[in-house]
PDB file of N, CA and C in Angstrom:
ATOM      1  N   UNK A   1      -8.900   9.676   0.621  1.00  0.00           N
ATOM      2  CA  UNK A   1      -7.717   9.549   1.432  1.00  0.00           C
ATOM      3  C   UNK A   1      -6.504   9.448   0.513  1.00  0.00           C
ATOM      4  N   UNK A   2      -5.535  10.299   0.693  1.00  0.00           N
ATOM      5  CA  UNK A   2      -4.373  10.315  -0.196  1.00  0.00           C
ATOM      6  C   UNK A   2      -3.157   9.580   0.356  1.00  0.00           C
ATOM      7  N   UNK A   3      -2.295   9.213  -0.557  1.00  0.00           N
ATOM      8  CA  UNK A   3      -0.965   8.715  -0.226  1.00  0.00           C
ATOM      9  C   UNK A   3      -0.039   9.922  -0.166  1.00  0.00           C
ATOM     10  N   UNK A   4       0.916   9.890   0.739  1.00  0.00           N
ATOM     11  CA  UNK A   4       1.788  11.045   0.897  1.00  0.00           C
ATOM     12  C   UNK A   4       3.254  10.641   0.878  1.00  0.00           C
ATOM     13  N   UNK A   5       4.081  11.568   0.387  1.00  0.00           N
ATOM     14  CA  UNK A   5       5.528  11.426   0.504  1.00  0.00           C
ATOM     15  C   UNK A   5       5.997  12.483   1.492  1.00  0.00           C
ATOM     16  N   UNK A   6       7.090  12.198   2.156  1.00  0.00           N
ATOM     17  CA  UNK A   6       7.607  13.109   3.176  1.00  0.00           C
ATOM     18  C   UNK A   6       9.091  13.369   2.948  1.00  0.00           C
ATOM     19  N   UNK A   7       9.541  14.513   3.462  1.00  0.00           N
ATOM     20  CA  UNK A   7      10.965  14.820   3.405  1.00  0.00           C
ATOM     21  C   UNK A   7      11.642  14.279   4.667  1.00  0.00           C
ATOM     22  N   UNK A   8      12.930  14.523   4.796  1.00  0.00           N
ATOM     23  CA  UNK A   8      13.695  14.015   5.939  1.00  0.00           C
ATOM     24  C   UNK A   8      13.182  14.547   7.271  1.00  0.00           C
ATOM     25  N   UNK A   9      12.556  15.719   7.251  1.00  0.00           N
ATOM     26  CA  UNK A   9      12.016  16.310   8.477  1.00  0.00           C
ATOM     27  C   UNK A   9      10.617  15.784   8.799  1.00  0.00           C
ATOM     28  N   UNK A  10      10.055  14.950   7.919  1.00  0.00           N
ATOM     29  CA  UNK A  10       8.725  14.397   8.161  1.00  0.00           C
ATOM     30  C   UNK A  10       7.589  15.227   7.600  1.00  0.00           C
ATOM     31  N   UNK A  11       7.909  16.305   6.896  1.00  0.00           N
ATOM     32  CA  UNK A  11       6.862  17.149   6.302  1.00  0.00           C
ATOM     33  C   UNK A  11       6.424  16.566   4.964  1.00  0.00           C
ATOM     34  N   UNK A  12       5.137  16.675   4.678  1.00  0.00           N
ATOM     35  CA  UNK A  12       4.607  16.166   3.420  1.00  0.00           C
ATOM     36  C   UNK A  12       5.169  16.987   2.264  1.00  0.00           C
ATOM     37  N   UNK A  13       5.675  16.267   1.256  1.00  0.00           N
ATOM     38  CA  UNK A  13       6.210  16.925   0.059  1.00  0.00           C
ATOM     39  C   UNK A  13       5.377  16.630  -1.177  1.00  0.00           C
ATOM     40  N   UNK A  14       4.496  15.638  -1.090  1.00  0.00           N
ATOM     41  CA  UNK A  14       3.652  15.297  -2.232  1.00  0.00           C
ATOM     42  C   UNK A  14       2.445  14.500  -1.792  1.00  0.00           C
ATOM     43  N   UNK A  15       1.368  14.631  -2.551  1.00  0.00           N
ATOM     44  CA  UNK A  15       0.125  13.920  -2.261  1.00  0.00           C
ATOM     45  C   UNK A  15      -0.328  13.238  -3.548  1.00  0.00           C
ATOM     46  N   UNK A  16      -0.706  11.952  -3.432  1.00  0.00           N
ATOM     47  CA  UNK A  16      -1.077  11.139  -4.584  1.00  0.00           C
ATOM     48  C   UNK A  16      -2.355  10.363  -4.281  1.00  0.00           C
ATOM     49  N   UNK A  17      -3.166  10.147  -5.303  1.00  0.00           N
ATOM     50  CA  UNK A  17      -4.375   9.348  -5.131  1.00  0.00           C
ATOM     51  C   UNK A  17      -4.067   7.865  -5.135  1.00  0.00           C
ATOM     52  N   UNK A  18      -2.941   7.469  -5.720  1.00  0.00           N
ATOM     53  CA  UNK A  18      -2.538   6.074  -5.788  1.00  0.00           C
ATOM     54  C   UNK A  18      -1.124   5.935  -5.229  1.00  0.00           C
ATOM     55  N   UNK A  19      -0.795   4.732  -4.719  1.00  0.00           N
ATOM     56  CA  UNK A  19       0.571   4.548  -4.227  1.00  0.00           C
ATOM     57  C   UNK A  19       1.575   4.708  -5.366  1.00  0.00           C
ATOM     58  N   UNK A  20       2.716   5.226  -5.047  1.00  0.00           N
ATOM     59  CA  UNK A  20       3.800   5.427  -6.004  1.00  0.00           C
ATOM     60  C   UNK A  20       5.014   4.650  -5.499  1.00  0.00           C
ATOM     61  N   UNK A  21       6.048   4.577  -6.300  1.00  0.00           N
ATOM     62  CA  UNK A  21       7.282   3.951  -5.848  1.00  0.00           C
ATOM     63  C   UNK A  21       7.759   4.697  -4.604  1.00  0.00           C
ATOM     64  N   UNK A  22       7.952   3.978  -3.526  1.00  0.00           N
ATOM     65  CA  UNK A  22       8.393   4.532  -2.236  1.00  0.00           C
ATOM     66  C   UNK A  22       7.387   5.496  -1.616  1.00  0.00           C
ATOM     67  N   UNK A  23       6.134   5.459  -2.053  1.00  0.00           N
ATOM     68  CA  UNK A  23       5.083   6.287  -1.448  1.00  0.00           C
ATOM     69  C   UNK A  23       3.924   5.362  -1.114  1.00  0.00           C
ATOM     70  N   UNK A  24       3.873   4.910   0.138  1.00  0.00           N
ATOM     71  CA  UNK A  24       2.833   3.974   0.544  1.00  0.00           C
ATOM     72  C   UNK A  24       2.061   4.433   1.777  1.00  0.00           C
ATOM     73  N   UNK A  25       2.489   5.567   2.370  1.00  0.00           N
ATOM     74  CA  UNK A  25       1.782   6.055   3.559  1.00  0.00           C
ATOM     75  C   UNK A  25       0.436   6.626   3.141  1.00  0.00           C
ATOM     76  N   UNK A  26      -0.633   6.157   3.774  1.00  0.00           N
ATOM     77  CA  UNK A  26      -2.003   6.511   3.432  1.00  0.00           C
ATOM     78  C   UNK A  26      -2.604   7.257   4.621  1.00  0.00           C
ATOM     79  N   UNK A  27      -3.105   8.463   4.400  1.00  0.00           N
ATOM     80  CA  UNK A  27      -3.639   9.273   5.493  1.00  0.00           C
ATOM     81  C   UNK A  27      -5.089   9.655   5.218  1.00  0.00           C
ATOM     82  N   UNK A  28      -5.888   9.840   6.280  1.00  0.00           N
ATOM     83  CA  UNK A  28      -7.238  10.350   6.084  1.00  0.00           C
ATOM     84  C   UNK A  28      -7.191  11.802   5.612  1.00  0.00           C
ATOM     85  N   UNK A  29      -8.211  12.206   4.876  1.00  0.00           N
ATOM     86  CA  UNK A  29      -8.247  13.563   4.320  1.00  0.00           C
ATOM     87  C   UNK A  29      -8.116  14.645   5.386  1.00  0.00           C
ATOM     88  N   UNK A  30      -8.635  14.388   6.579  1.00  0.00           N
ATOM     89  CA  UNK A  30      -8.631  15.424   7.611  1.00  0.00           C
ATOM     90  C   UNK A  30      -7.419  15.327   8.550  1.00  0.00           C
ATOM     91  N   UNK A  31      -6.441  14.519   8.185  1.00  0.00           N
ATOM     92  CA  UNK A  31      -5.227  14.399   9.001  1.00  0.00           C
ATOM     93  C   UNK A  31      -4.555  15.773   9.088  1.00  0.00           C
ATOM     94  N   UNK A  32      -4.011  16.093  10.237  1.00  0.00           N
ATOM     95  CA  UNK A  32      -3.395  17.407  10.460  1.00  0.00           C
ATOM     96  C   UNK A  32      -2.299  17.708   9.446  1.00  0.00           C
ATOM     97  N   UNK A  33      -1.512  16.699   9.068  1.00  0.00           N
ATOM     98  CA  UNK A  33      -0.437  16.926   8.099  1.00  0.00           C
ATOM     99  C   UNK A  33      -0.987  17.256   6.711  1.00  0.00           C
ATOM    100  N   UNK A  34      -2.103  16.650   6.347  1.00  0.00           N
ATOM    101  CA  UNK A  34      -2.740  16.948   5.055  1.00  0.00           C
ATOM    102  C   UNK A  34      -3.242  18.390   5.067  1.00  0.00           C
ATOM    103  N   UNK A  35      -3.939  18.746   6.132  1.00  0.00           N
ATOM    104  CA  UNK A  35      -4.466  20.104   6.228  1.00  0.00           C
ATOM    105  C   UNK A  35      -3.338  21.136   6.215  1.00  0.00           C
ATOM    106  N   UNK A  36      -2.239  20.838   6.915  1.00  0.00           N
ATOM    107  CA  UNK A  36      -1.098  21.753   6.948  1.00  0.00           C
ATOM    108  C   UNK A  36      -0.514  21.927   5.540  1.00  0.00           C
ATOM    109  N   UNK A  37      -0.431  20.834   4.787  1.00  0.00           N
ATOM    110  CA  UNK A  37       0.123  20.880   3.432  1.00  0.00           C
ATOM    111  C   UNK A  37      -0.686  21.835   2.549  1.00  0.00           C
ATOM    112  N   UNK A  38      -2.007  21.833   2.722  1.00  0.00           N
ATOM    113  CA  UNK A  38      -2.882  22.687   1.913  1.00  0.00           C
ATOM    114  C   UNK A  38      -3.222  24.004   2.606  1.00  0.00           C
ATOM    115  N   UNK A  39      -2.478  24.354   3.619  1.00  0.00           N
ATOM    116  CA  UNK A  39      -2.719  25.612   4.301  1.00  0.00           C
ATOM    117  C   UNK A  39      -4.027  25.638   5.065  1.00  0.00           C
ATOM    118  N   UNK A  40      -4.488  24.482   5.498  1.00  0.00           N
ATOM    119  CA  UNK A  40      -5.708  24.390   6.298  1.00  0.00           C
ATOM    120  C   UNK A  40      -6.956  24.070   5.510  1.00  0.00           C
ATOM    121  N   UNK A  41      -6.907  24.129   4.178  1.00  0.00           N
ATOM    122  CA  UNK A  41      -8.085  23.871   3.344  1.00  0.00           C
ATOM    123  C   UNK A  41      -7.766  22.870   2.246  1.00  0.00           C
ATOM    124  N   UNK A  42      -8.136  21.586   2.442  1.00  0.00           N
ATOM    125  CA  UNK A  42      -7.858  20.619   1.385  1.00  0.00           C
ATOM    126  C   UNK A  42      -8.680  20.938   0.141  1.00  0.00           C
ATOM    127  N   UNK A  43      -8.152  20.633  -1.042  1.00  0.00           N
ATOM    128  CA  UNK A  43      -8.915  20.882  -2.266  1.00  0.00           C
ATOM    129  C   UNK A  43     -10.193  20.053  -2.300  1.00  0.00           C
ATOM    130  N   UNK A  44     -11.161  20.512  -3.042  1.00  0.00           N
ATOM    131  CA  UNK A  44     -12.474  19.867  -3.086  1.00  0.00           C
ATOM    132  C   UNK A  44     -12.381  18.401  -3.480  1.00  0.00           C
ATOM    133  N   UNK A  45     -11.485  18.073  -4.430  1.00  0.00           N
ATOM    134  CA  UNK A  45     -11.455  16.688  -4.880  1.00  0.00           C
ATOM    135  C   UNK A  45     -10.994  15.719  -3.793  1.00  0.00           C
ATOM    136  N   UNK A  46     -10.311  16.189  -2.753  1.00  0.00           N
ATOM    137  CA  UNK A  46      -9.941  15.306  -1.651  1.00  0.00           C
ATOM    138  C   UNK A  46     -11.097  15.094  -0.679  1.00  0.00           C
ATOM    139  N   UNK A  47     -12.089  15.951  -0.716  1.00  0.00           N
ATOM    140  CA  UNK A  47     -13.216  15.815   0.197  1.00  0.00           C
ATOM    141  C   UNK A  47     -14.439  15.245  -0.507  1.00  0.00           C
ATOM    142  N   UNK A  48     -14.330  14.949  -1.774  1.00  0.00           N
ATOM    143  CA  UNK A  48     -15.428  14.422  -2.562  1.00  0.00           C
ATOM    144  C   UNK A  48     -15.739  12.985  -2.132  1.00  0.00           C
ATOM    145  N   UNK A  49     -16.990  12.736  -1.705  1.00  0.00           N
ATOM    146  CA  UNK A  49     -17.379  11.408  -1.233  1.00  0.00           C
ATOM    147  C   UNK A  49     -17.238  10.344  -2.314  1.00  0.00           C
ATOM    148  N   UNK A  50     -17.597  10.667  -3.545  1.00  0.00           N
ATOM    149  CA  UNK A  50     -17.494   9.687  -4.632  1.00  0.00           C
ATOM    150  C   UNK A  50     -16.045   9.282  -4.848  1.00  0.00           C
ATOM    151  N   UNK A  51     -15.139  10.235  -4.788  1.00  0.00           N
ATOM    152  CA  UNK A  51     -13.723   9.934  -4.955  1.00  0.00           C
ATOM    153  C   UNK A  51     -13.230   9.067  -3.802  1.00  0.00           C
ATOM    154  N   UNK A  52     -13.670   9.366  -2.606  1.00  0.00           N
ATOM    155  CA  UNK A  52     -13.282   8.559  -1.453  1.00  0.00           C
ATOM    156  C   UNK A  52     -13.812   7.140  -1.608  1.00  0.00           C
ATOM    157  N   UNK A  53     -15.047   6.995  -2.081  1.00  0.00           N
ATOM    158  CA  UNK A  53     -15.625   5.668  -2.299  1.00  0.00           C
ATOM    159  C   UNK A  53     -14.837   4.899  -3.357  1.00  0.00           C
ATOM    160  N   UNK A  54     -14.476   5.588  -4.433  1.00  0.00           N
ATOM    161  CA  UNK A  54     -13.712   4.940  -5.494  1.00  0.00           C
ATOM    162  C   UNK A  54     -12.333   4.532  -4.994  1.00  0.00           C
ATOM    163  N   UNK A  55     -11.710   5.370  -4.205  1.00  0.00           N
ATOM    164  CA  UNK A  55     -10.395   5.044  -3.654  1.00  0.00           C
ATOM    165  C   UNK A  55     -10.487   3.818  -2.752  1.00  0.00           C
ATOM    166  N   UNK A  56     -11.506   3.759  -1.908  1.00  0.00           N
ATOM    167  CA  UNK A  56     -11.688   2.590  -1.039  1.00  0.00           C
ATOM    168  C   UNK A  56     -11.955   1.347  -1.877  1.00  0.00           C
ATOM    169  N   UNK A  57     -12.736   1.501  -2.937  1.00  0.00           N
ATOM    170  CA  UNK A  57     -12.995   0.385  -3.828  1.00  0.00           C
ATOM    171  C   UNK A  57     -11.705  -0.108  -4.476  1.00  0.00           C
ATOM    172  N   UNK A  58     -10.824   0.813  -4.864  1.00  0.00           N
ATOM    173  CA  UNK A  58      -9.527   0.434  -5.432  1.00  0.00           C
ATOM    174  C   UNK A  58      -8.721  -0.381  -4.430  1.00  0.00           C
ATOM    175  N   UNK A  59      -8.718   0.049  -3.192  1.00  0.00           N
ATOM    176  CA  UNK A  59      -7.976  -0.658  -2.147  1.00  0.00           C
ATOM    177  C   UNK A  59      -8.535  -2.066  -1.966  1.00  0.00           C
ATOM    178  N   UNK A  60      -9.857  -2.168  -1.927  1.00  0.00           N
ATOM    179  CA  UNK A  60     -10.490  -3.480  -1.782  1.00  0.00           C
ATOM    180  C   UNK A  60     -10.184  -4.373  -2.979  1.00  0.00           C
ATOM    181  N   UNK A  61     -10.192  -3.784  -4.170  1.00  0.00           N
ATOM    182  CA  UNK A  61      -9.947  -4.562  -5.378  1.00  0.00           C
ATOM    183  C   UNK A  61      -8.493  -5.028  -5.461  1.00  0.00           C
ATOM    184  N   UNK A  62      -7.580  -4.227  -4.950  1.00  0.00           N
ATOM    185  CA  UNK A  62      -6.179  -4.648  -4.909  1.00  0.00           C
ATOM    186  C   UNK A  62      -6.061  -5.938  -4.118  1.00  0.00           C
ATOM    187  N   UNK A  63      -6.798  -6.031  -3.028  1.00  0.00           N
ATOM    188  CA  UNK A  63      -6.754  -7.252  -2.209  1.00  0.00           C
ATOM    189  C   UNK A  63      -7.316  -8.440  -2.983  1.00  0.00           C
ATOM    190  N   UNK A  64      -8.351  -8.205  -3.791  1.00  0.00           N
ATOM    191  CA  UNK A  64      -8.912  -9.269  -4.627  1.00  0.00           C
ATOM    192  C   UNK A  64      -7.849  -9.770  -5.606  1.00  0.00           C
ATOM    193  N   UNK A  65      -7.131  -8.855  -6.224  1.00  0.00           N
ATOM    194  CA  UNK A  65      -6.090  -9.228  -7.183  1.00  0.00           C
ATOM    195  C   UNK A  65      -4.975 -10.004  -6.482  1.00  0.00           C
ATOM    196  N   UNK A  66      -4.588  -9.568  -5.288  1.00  0.00           N
ATOM    197  CA  UNK A  66      -3.567 -10.297  -4.532  1.00  0.00           C
ATOM    198  C   UNK A  66      -4.028 -11.723  -4.256  1.00  0.00           C
ATOM    199  N   UNK A  67      -5.279 -11.872  -3.827  1.00  0.00           N
ATOM    200  CA  UNK A  67      -5.813 -13.204  -3.545  1.00  0.00           C
ATOM    201  C   UNK A  67      -5.871 -14.054  -4.814  1.00  0.00           C
ATOM    202  N   UNK A  68      -6.228 -13.447  -5.936  1.00  0.00           N
ATOM    203  CA  UNK A  68      -6.271 -14.168  -7.204  1.00  0.00           C
ATOM    204  C   UNK A  68      -4.878 -14.673  -7.593  1.00  0.00           C
ATOM    205  N   UNK A  69      -3.874 -13.832  -7.437  1.00  0.00           N
ATOM    206  CA  UNK A  69      -2.495 -14.252  -7.731  1.00  0.00           C
ATOM    207  C   UNK A  69      -2.109 -15.425  -6.834  1.00  0.00           C
ATOM    208  N   UNK A  70      -2.459 -15.354  -5.555  1.00  0.00           N
ATOM    209  CA  UNK A  70      -2.155 -16.453  -4.630  1.00  0.00           C
ATOM    210  C   UNK A  70      -2.812 -17.759  -5.087  1.00  0.00           C
ATOM    211  N   UNK A  71      -4.068 -17.696  -5.503  1.00  0.00           N
ATOM    212  CA  UNK A  71      -4.783 -18.892  -5.958  1.00  0.00           C
ATOM    213  C   UNK A  71      -4.107 -19.468  -7.209  1.00  0.00           C
ATOM    214  N   UNK A  72      -3.765 -18.602  -8.154  1.00  0.00           N
ATOM    215  CA  UNK A  72      -3.115 -19.076  -9.384  1.00  0.00           C
ATOM    216  C   UNK A  72      -1.776 -19.747  -9.090  1.00  0.00           C
ATOM    217  N   UNK A  73      -1.035 -19.192  -8.144  1.00  0.00           N
ATOM    218  CA  UNK A  73       0.244 -19.793  -7.763  1.00  0.00           C
ATOM    219  C   UNK A  73       0.013 -21.110  -7.024  1.00  0.00           C
ATOM    220  N   UNK A  74      -0.944 -21.120  -6.080  1.00  0.00           N
ATOM    221  CA  UNK A  74      -1.244 -22.335  -5.315  1.00  0.00           C
ATOM    222  C   UNK A  74      -1.677 -23.487  -6.223  1.00  0.00           C
ATOM    223  N   UNK A  75      -2.404 -23.180  -7.292  1.00  0.00           N
ATOM    224  CA  UNK A  75      -2.893 -24.210  -8.218  1.00  0.00           C
ATOM    225  C   UNK A  75      -1.896 -24.493  -9.339  1.00  0.00           C
ATOM    226  N   UNK A  76      -0.706 -23.923  -9.228  1.00  0.00           N
ATOM    227  CA  UNK A  76       0.358 -24.120 -10.221  1.00  0.00           C
ATOM    228  C   UNK A  76      -0.045 -23.701 -11.629  1.00  0.00           C
ATOM    229  N   UNK A  77      -0.938 -22.731 -11.728  1.00  0.00           N
ATOM    230  CA  UNK A  77      -1.286 -22.161 -13.029  1.00  0.00           C
ATOM    231  C   UNK A  77      -0.155 -21.242 -13.481  1.00  0.00           C
ATOM    232  N   UNK A  78       0.413 -20.518 -12.523  1.00  0.00           N
ATOM    233  CA  UNK A  78       1.597 -19.694 -12.757  1.00  0.00           C
ATOM    234  C   UNK A  78       2.553 -19.931 -11.599  1.00  0.00           C
ATOM    235  N   UNK A  79       3.793 -19.566 -11.801  1.00  0.00           N
ATOM    236  CA  UNK A  79       4.739 -19.595 -10.693  1.00  0.00           C
ATOM    237  C   UNK A  79       5.106 -18.153 -10.369  1.00  0.00           C
ATOM    238  N   UNK A  80       5.583 -17.947  -9.182  1.00  0.00           N
ATOM    239  CA  UNK A  80       5.960 -16.602  -8.755  1.00  0.00           C
ATOM    240  C   UNK A  80       6.994 -16.014  -9.706  1.00  0.00           C
ATOM    241  N   UNK A  81       7.895 -16.849 -10.189  1.00  0.00           N
ATOM    242  CA  UNK A  81       8.947 -16.368 -11.082  1.00  0.00           C
ATOM    243  C   UNK A  81       8.440 -16.051 -12.486  1.00  0.00           C
ATOM    244  N   UNK A  82       7.203 -16.482 -12.817  1.00  0.00           N
ATOM    245  CA  UNK A  82       6.602 -16.096 -14.101  1.00  0.00           C
ATOM    246  C   UNK A  82       6.260 -14.611 -14.122  1.00  0.00           C
ATOM    247  N   UNK A  83       6.072 -14.037 -12.966  1.00  0.00           N
ATOM    248  CA  UNK A  83       5.680 -12.636 -12.872  1.00  0.00           C
ATOM    249  C   UNK A  83       6.877 -11.735 -13.152  1.00  0.00           C
ATOM    250  N   UNK A  84       6.639 -10.570 -13.734  1.00  0.00           N
ATOM    251  CA  UNK A  84       7.744  -9.619 -13.947  1.00  0.00           C
ATOM    252  C   UNK A  84       8.401  -9.240 -12.617  1.00  0.00           C
ATOM    253  N   UNK A  85       9.676  -8.918 -12.669  1.00  0.00           N
ATOM    254  CA  UNK A  85      10.414  -8.633 -11.437  1.00  0.00           C
ATOM    255  C   UNK A  85       9.795  -7.485 -10.638  1.00  0.00           C
ATOM    256  N   UNK A  86       9.295  -6.449 -11.314  1.00  0.00           N
ATOM    257  CA  UNK A  86       8.663  -5.325 -10.604  1.00  0.00           C
ATOM    258  C   UNK A  86       7.408  -5.796  -9.862  1.00  0.00           C
ATOM    259  N   UNK A  87       6.655  -6.698 -10.467  1.00  0.00           N
ATOM    260  CA  UNK A  87       5.452  -7.236  -9.822  1.00  0.00           C
ATOM    261  C   UNK A  87       5.849  -8.068  -8.610  1.00  0.00           C
ATOM    262  N   UNK A  88       6.850  -8.926  -8.779  1.00  0.00           N
ATOM    263  CA  UNK A  88       7.326  -9.737  -7.646  1.00  0.00           C
ATOM    264  C   UNK A  88       7.777  -8.845  -6.500  1.00  0.00           C
ATOM    265  N   UNK A  89       8.503  -7.789  -6.819  1.00  0.00           N
ATOM    266  CA  UNK A  89       8.991  -6.863  -5.794  1.00  0.00           C
ATOM    267  C   UNK A  89       7.819  -6.229  -5.036  1.00  0.00           C
ATOM    268  N   UNK A  90       6.795  -5.818  -5.756  1.00  0.00           N
ATOM    269  CA  UNK A  90       5.632  -5.191  -5.106  1.00  0.00           C
ATOM    270  C   UNK A  90       4.882  -6.188  -4.233  1.00  0.00           C
ATOM    271  N   UNK A  91       4.759  -7.423  -4.710  1.00  0.00           N
ATOM    272  CA  UNK A  91       4.081  -8.448  -3.913  1.00  0.00           C
ATOM    273  C   UNK A  91       4.854  -8.707  -2.625  1.00  0.00           C
ATOM    274  N   UNK A  92       6.161  -8.860  -2.729  1.00  0.00           N
ATOM    275  CA  UNK A  92       6.996  -9.106  -1.542  1.00  0.00           C
ATOM    276  C   UNK A  92       6.900  -7.930  -0.573  1.00  0.00           C
ATOM    277  N   UNK A  93       6.923  -6.698  -1.093  1.00  0.00           N
ATOM    278  CA  UNK A  93       6.816  -5.521  -0.227  1.00  0.00           C
ATOM    279  C   UNK A  93       5.481  -5.489   0.499  1.00  0.00           C
ATOM    280  N   UNK A  94       4.399  -5.845  -0.193  1.00  0.00           N
ATOM    281  CA  UNK A  94       3.077  -5.851   0.458  1.00  0.00           C
ATOM    282  C   UNK A  94       2.990  -6.955   1.497  1.00  0.00           C
ATOM    283  N   UNK A  95       3.535  -8.131   1.180  1.00  0.00           N
ATOM    284  CA  UNK A  95       3.540  -9.221   2.155  1.00  0.00           C
ATOM    285  C   UNK A  95       4.328  -8.831   3.402  1.00  0.00           C
ATOM    286  N   UNK A  96       5.461  -8.173   3.185  1.00  0.00           N
ATOM    287  CA  UNK A  96       6.272  -7.712   4.302  1.00  0.00           C
ATOM    288  C   UNK A  96       5.506  -6.697   5.148  1.00  0.00           C
ATOM    289  N   UNK A  97       4.885  -5.733   4.497  1.00  0.00           N
ATOM    290  CA  UNK A  97       4.123  -4.711   5.232  1.00  0.00           C
ATOM    291  C   UNK A  97       2.957  -5.337   5.993  1.00  0.00           C
ATOM    292  N   UNK A  98       2.256  -6.260   5.341  1.00  0.00           N
ATOM    293  CA  UNK A  98       1.134  -6.920   6.005  1.00  0.00           C
ATOM    294  C   UNK A  98       1.631  -7.722   7.206  1.00  0.00           C
ATOM    295  N   UNK A  99       2.785  -8.371   7.057  1.00  0.00           N
ATOM    296  CA  UNK A  99       3.355  -9.126   8.172  1.00  0.00           C
ATOM    297  C   UNK A  99       3.731  -8.235   9.337  1.00  0.00           C
ATOM    298  N   UNK A 100       4.289  -7.057   9.018  1.00  0.00           N
ATOM    299  CA  UNK A 100       4.643  -6.122  10.085  1.00  0.00           C
ATOM    300  C   UNK A 100       3.401  -5.610  10.804  1.00  0.00           C
ATOM    301  N   UNK A 101       2.316  -5.395  10.067  1.00  0.00           N
ATOM    302  CA  UNK A 101       1.083  -4.918  10.693  1.00  0.00           C
ATOM    303  C   UNK A 101       0.468  -5.976  11.605  1.00  0.00           C
ATOM    304  N   UNK A 102       0.579  -7.229  11.201  1.00  0.00           N
ATOM    305  CA  UNK A 102      -0.036  -8.290  11.995  1.00  0.00           C
ATOM    306  C   UNK A 102       0.882  -8.782  13.109  1.00  0.00           C
ATOM    307  N   UNK A 103       2.117  -8.259  13.125  1.00  0.00           N
ATOM    308  CA  UNK A 103       3.050  -8.662  14.174  1.00  0.00           C
ATOM    309  C   UNK A 103       3.863  -9.885  13.799  1.00  0.00           C
ATOM    310  N   UNK A 104       3.606 -10.443  12.619  1.00  0.00           N
ATOM    311  CA  UNK A 104       4.402 -11.566  12.136  1.00  0.00           C
ATOM    312  C   UNK A 104       4.885 -11.225  10.752  1.00  0.00           C
ATOM    313  N   UNK A 105       5.949 -11.844  10.367  1.00  0.00           N
ATOM    314  CA  UNK A 105       6.490 -11.606   9.041  1.00  0.00           C
ATOM    315  C   UNK A 105       6.905 -12.952   8.475  1.00  0.00           C
ATOM    316  N   UNK A 106       6.072 -13.502   7.587  1.00  0.00           N
ATOM    317  CA  UNK A 106       6.321 -14.824   7.039  1.00  0.00           C
ATOM    318  C   UNK A 106       7.460 -14.844   6.025  1.00  0.00           C
ATOM    319  N   UNK A 107       7.912 -13.689   5.579  1.00  0.00           N
ATOM    320  CA  UNK A 107       8.966 -13.651   4.585  1.00  0.00           C
ATOM    321  C   UNK A 107      10.304 -14.037   5.208  1.00  0.00           C
ATOM    322  N   UNK A 108      10.559 -13.543   6.402  1.00  0.00           N
ATOM    323  CA  UNK A 108      11.797 -13.849   7.099  1.00  0.00           C
ATOM    324  C   UNK A 108      11.468 -14.813   8.217  1.00  0.00           C
ATOM    325  N   UNK A 109      12.027 -16.002   8.144  1.00  0.00           N
ATOM    326  CA  UNK A 109      11.748 -17.035   9.127  1.00  0.00           C
ATOM    327  C   UNK A 109      12.995 -17.249   9.978  1.00  0.00           C
ATOM    328  N   UNK A 110      12.798 -17.246  11.277  1.00  0.00           N
ATOM    329  CA  UNK A 110      13.928 -17.484  12.187  1.00  0.00           C
ATOM    330  C   UNK A 110      14.431 -18.891  12.012  1.00  0.00           C
ATOM    331  N   UNK A 111      15.746 -19.080  12.169  1.00  0.00           N
ATOM    332  CA  UNK A 111      16.296 -20.423  12.044  1.00  0.00           C
ATOM    333  C   UNK A 111      16.368 -21.135  13.388  1.00  0.00           C
ATOM    334  N   UNK A 112      15.793 -20.524  14.430  1.00  0.00           N
ATOM    335  CA  UNK A 112      15.776 -21.165  15.747  1.00  0.00           C
ATOM    336  C   UNK A 112      14.962 -22.452  15.688  1.00  0.00           C
ATOM    337  N   UNK A 113      15.522 -23.503  16.185  1.00  0.00           N
ATOM    338  CA  UNK A 113      14.801 -24.756  16.265  1.00  0.00           C
ATOM    339  C   UNK A 113      14.834 -25.579  14.991  1.00  0.00           C
ATOM    340  N   UNK A 114      15.565 -25.153  13.973  1.00  0.00           N
ATOM    341  CA  UNK A 114      15.623 -25.936  12.747  1.00  0.00           C
ATOM    342  C   UNK A 114      16.420 -27.215  12.969  1.00  0.00           C
ATOM    343  N   UNK A 115      17.516 -27.110  13.703  1.00  0.00           N
ATOM    344  CA  UNK A 115      18.357 -28.289  13.942  1.00  0.00           C
ATOM    345  C   UNK A 115      18.015 -28.958  15.228  1.00  0.00           C
TER     346      UNK A 115
END
């Protein structure tokens, strides 16, 4: 399953095996937009089961790393500000995206009821 970039019209302009800066949309190999990008025939490496398994493993492992960072911060082994700014930015972006998917966003808290 590849990550894709799109133009202003919504057409795919690039396909990546890993997320890139501003490229986080993840599509299944048989998605209509993927097939259209390749003229109806995706390249063999996008349909390779081993590659798909490795990609899924990468996604799962990213979550392990996120959880590890959370544990280290919770135990005061590191602080969030110890991390490089690019890393902090990526963590905040993932937390925001995860919050939007779950219908809550813990990054932005309403001030209703504070006073």
